[in-house]
Amino acid sequence: MKTIVVLIALFSLTASLANEGIPKKRNTISSWLTENAVYPSAAVESREEGTVYLSFEIINGQVQNIVVLEGVSKVLDEAAIEMVKKIPASELQEDAETEKNKYIIPIKFEIK
């Protein structure tokens, strides 16, 4: 039996220690991504594994400027980008009050 694992952690590049909403938002976004992670079947069949590093910004409550900092393959890179693109606005609400927050996220795809 194969176990498919997608591990996600989120780091804010623009958060200050005084901004208490950012750690809470990181946990909310990370939780949403973990619960809604998709491991592409083509990658499972070819046993592709690895960590995709993305950066993105939340500007006025919307995910923008997604960039692959370090990729694994076209299939896994695109899967990671699509997961981030699908973060619902409700998960980004707190960031709507701030002008801009930049994040780096490693998304680890692993078959056990």
C-alpha atoms as a PDB file:
ATOM      1  CA  MET A   1       0.000   0.000   0.000  1.00  0.00           C
ATOM      2  CA  LYS A   2       1.341   3.416  -0.967  1.00  0.00           C
ATOM      3  CA  THR A   3       0.989   6.408   1.290  1.00  0.00           C
ATOM      4  CA  ILE A   4       0.994   9.783  -0.422  1.00  0.00           C
ATOM      5  CA  VAL A   5       2.332  12.625   1.692  1.00  0.00           C
ATOM      6  CA  VAL A   6       2.306  16.348   0.972  1.00  0.00           C
ATOM      7  CA  LEU A   7       4.013  18.383   3.694  1.00  0.00           C
ATOM      8  CA  ILE A   8       3.573  22.131   3.834  1.00  0.00           C
ATOM      9  CA  ALA A   9       5.129  24.906   5.919  1.00  0.00           C
ATOM     10  CA  LEU A  10       4.704  28.626   5.359  1.00  0.00           C
ATOM     11  CA  PHE A  11       7.170  31.404   6.126  1.00  0.00           C
ATOM     12  CA  SER A  12       6.393  35.109   6.033  1.00  0.00           C
ATOM     13  CA  LEU A  13       9.116  37.386   4.728  1.00  0.00           C
ATOM     14  CA  THR A  14       7.404  40.653   5.595  1.00  0.00           C
ATOM     15  CA  ALA A  15       5.929  39.963   9.028  1.00  0.00           C
ATOM     16  CA  SER A  16       7.163  41.909  11.987  1.00  0.00           C
ATOM     17  CA  LEU A  17       7.131  40.486  15.503  1.00  0.00           C
ATOM     18  CA  ALA A  18       4.573  43.127  16.464  1.00  0.00           C
ATOM     19  CA  ASN A  19       2.077  41.872  13.879  1.00  0.00           C
ATOM     20  CA  GLU A  20       0.234  39.125  15.748  1.00  0.00           C
ATOM     21  CA  GLY A  21      -2.050  38.307  12.805  1.00  0.00           C
ATOM     22  CA  ILE A  22       0.730  36.950  10.593  1.00  0.00           C
ATOM     23  CA  PRO A  23       1.565  33.781  12.600  1.00  0.00           C
ATOM     24  CA  LYS A  24      -2.161  33.015  12.835  1.00  0.00           C
ATOM     25  CA  LYS A  25      -2.531  33.568   9.083  1.00  0.00           C
ATOM     26  CA  ARG A  26       0.468  31.321   8.347  1.00  0.00           C
ATOM     27  CA  ASN A  27      -1.180  28.525  10.326  1.00  0.00           C
ATOM     28  CA  THR A  28      -4.535  29.049   8.605  1.00  0.00           C
ATOM     29  CA  ILE A  29      -3.050  29.032   5.103  1.00  0.00           C
ATOM     30  CA  SER A  30      -0.780  26.052   5.882  1.00  0.00           C
ATOM     31  CA  SER A  31      -3.726  24.114   7.313  1.00  0.00           C
ATOM     32  CA  TRP A  32      -5.886  24.869   4.283  1.00  0.00           C
ATOM     33  CA  LEU A  33      -3.123  23.821   1.876  1.00  0.00           C
ATOM     34  CA  THR A  34      -2.457  20.609   3.821  1.00  0.00           C
ATOM     35  CA  GLU A  35      -6.155  19.678   3.834  1.00  0.00           C
ATOM     36  CA  ASN A  36      -6.561  20.450   0.123  1.00  0.00           C
ATOM     37  CA  ALA A  37      -3.248  19.137  -1.190  1.00  0.00           C
ATOM     38  CA  VAL A  38      -3.302  17.206  -4.446  1.00  0.00           C
ATOM     39  CA  TYR A  39      -0.566  14.793  -5.522  1.00  0.00           C
ATOM     40  CA  PRO A  40      -0.896  14.499  -9.307  1.00  0.00           C
ATOM     41  CA  SER A  41      -1.583  10.946 -10.465  1.00  0.00           C
ATOM     42  CA  ALA A  42       1.036  11.258 -13.227  1.00  0.00           C
ATOM     43  CA  ALA A  43       3.659  12.060 -10.580  1.00  0.00           C
ATOM     44  CA  VAL A  44       2.511   9.134  -8.417  1.00  0.00           C
ATOM     45  CA  GLU A  45       2.714   6.736 -11.370  1.00  0.00           C
ATOM     46  CA  SER A  46       6.238   7.901 -12.259  1.00  0.00           C
ATOM     47  CA  ARG A  47       7.179   8.028  -8.546  1.00  0.00           C
ATOM     48  CA  GLU A  48       8.211  11.689  -8.715  1.00  0.00           C
ATOM     49  CA  GLU A  49       9.099  13.103  -5.308  1.00  0.00           C
ATOM     50  CA  GLY A  50      10.696  16.256  -4.002  1.00  0.00           C
ATOM     51  CA  THR A  51      10.134  19.694  -2.544  1.00  0.00           C
ATOM     52  CA  VAL A  52       8.857  22.614  -4.603  1.00  0.00           C
ATOM     53  CA  TYR A  53       9.758  26.021  -3.165  1.00  0.00           C
ATOM     54  CA  LEU A  54       7.370  28.818  -4.102  1.00  0.00           C
ATOM     55  CA  SER A  55       7.225  32.475  -3.222  1.00  0.00           C
ATOM     56  CA  PHE A  56       4.018  34.464  -3.468  1.00  0.00           C
ATOM     57  CA  GLU A  57       2.506  37.664  -2.221  1.00  0.00           C
ATOM     58  CA  ILE A  58      -0.828  38.401  -0.666  1.00  0.00           C
ATOM     59  CA  ILE A  59      -1.810  41.818  -1.926  1.00  0.00           C
ATOM     60  CA  ASN A  60      -5.130  43.267  -0.809  1.00  0.00           C
ATOM     61  CA  GLY A  61      -6.371  39.808   0.168  1.00  0.00           C
ATOM     62  CA  GLN A  62      -5.421  38.054  -3.084  1.00  0.00           C
ATOM     63  CA  VAL A  63      -2.614  35.629  -3.928  1.00  0.00           C
ATOM     64  CA  GLN A  64      -0.378  37.170  -6.594  1.00  0.00           C
ATOM     65  CA  ASN A  65       3.100  36.891  -8.101  1.00  0.00           C
ATOM     66  CA  ILE A  66       3.607  33.153  -7.588  1.00  0.00           C
ATOM     67  CA  VAL A  67       7.183  32.192  -8.475  1.00  0.00           C
ATOM     68  CA  VAL A  68       8.870  28.760  -8.423  1.00  0.00           C
ATOM     69  CA  LEU A  69      12.127  29.360  -6.547  1.00  0.00           C
ATOM     70  CA  GLU A  70      13.245  25.743  -6.808  1.00  0.00           C
ATOM     71  CA  GLY A  71      11.286  23.165  -8.708  1.00  0.00           C
ATOM     72  CA  VAL A  72      11.193  19.387  -9.007  1.00  0.00           C
ATOM     73  CA  SER A  73       9.419  18.697 -12.292  1.00  0.00           C
ATOM     74  CA  LYS A  74       6.866  20.420 -14.482  1.00  0.00           C
ATOM     75  CA  VAL A  75       4.075  18.235 -13.058  1.00  0.00           C
ATOM     76  CA  LEU A  76       4.887  18.819  -9.376  1.00  0.00           C
ATOM     77  CA  ASP A  77       5.726  22.507  -9.894  1.00  0.00           C
ATOM     78  CA  GLU A  78       2.364  23.096 -11.581  1.00  0.00           C
ATOM     79  CA  ALA A  79       0.534  21.140  -8.861  1.00  0.00           C
ATOM     80  CA  ALA A  80       2.129  23.319  -6.173  1.00  0.00           C
ATOM     81  CA  ILE A  81       1.246  26.519  -8.057  1.00  0.00           C
ATOM     82  CA  GLU A  82      -2.357  25.382  -8.533  1.00  0.00           C
ATOM     83  CA  MET A  83      -2.720  24.599  -4.812  1.00  0.00           C
ATOM     84  CA  VAL A  84      -1.567  28.105  -3.883  1.00  0.00           C
ATOM     85  CA  LYS A  85      -3.790  29.714  -6.538  1.00  0.00           C
ATOM     86  CA  LYS A  86      -6.829  27.962  -5.045  1.00  0.00           C
ATOM     87  CA  ILE A  87      -6.453  29.391  -1.541  1.00  0.00           C
ATOM     88  CA  PRO A  88      -9.923  30.872  -0.932  1.00  0.00           C
ATOM     89  CA  ALA A  89     -10.330  34.559  -0.175  1.00  0.00           C
ATOM     90  CA  SER A  90     -11.828  33.631   3.215  1.00  0.00           C
ATOM     91  CA  GLU A  91      -8.421  32.238   4.247  1.00  0.00           C
ATOM     92  CA  LEU A  92      -6.740  35.503   3.229  1.00  0.00           C
ATOM     93  CA  GLN A  93      -9.157  37.944   4.880  1.00  0.00           C
ATOM     94  CA  GLU A  94      -6.806  39.245   7.565  1.00  0.00           C
ATOM     95  CA  ASP A  95      -4.268  40.129   4.889  1.00  0.00           C
ATOM     96  CA  ALA A  96      -6.815  42.274   3.060  1.00  0.00           C
ATOM     97  CA  GLU A  97      -6.155  44.968   5.656  1.00  0.00           C
ATOM     98  CA  THR A  98      -2.442  45.036   4.967  1.00  0.00           C
ATOM     99  CA  GLU A  99      -1.004  46.293   1.733  1.00  0.00           C
ATOM    100  CA  LYS A 100       1.324  43.409   0.946  1.00  0.00           C
ATOM    101  CA  ASN A 101       2.807  40.284   2.555  1.00  0.00           C
ATOM    102  CA  LYS A 102       5.344  38.025   0.871  1.00  0.00           C
ATOM    103  CA  TYR A 103       5.665  34.333   1.685  1.00  0.00           C
ATOM    104  CA  ILE A 104       7.940  31.420   0.851  1.00  0.00           C
ATOM    105  CA  ILE A 105       6.456  27.961   1.017  1.00  0.00           C
ATOM    106  CA  PRO A 106       8.112  24.575   0.625  1.00  0.00           C
ATOM    107  CA  ILE A 107       5.651  21.930  -0.576  1.00  0.00           C
ATOM    108  CA  LYS A 108       7.077  18.443  -0.148  1.00  0.00           C
ATOM    109  CA  PHE A 109       5.688  15.663  -2.319  1.00  0.00           C
ATOM    110  CA  GLU A 110       6.575  12.209  -1.003  1.00  0.00           C
ATOM    111  CA  ILE A 111       5.447   8.647  -1.701  1.00  0.00           C
ATOM    112  CA  LYS A 112       5.959   6.228   1.174  1.00  0.00           C
END
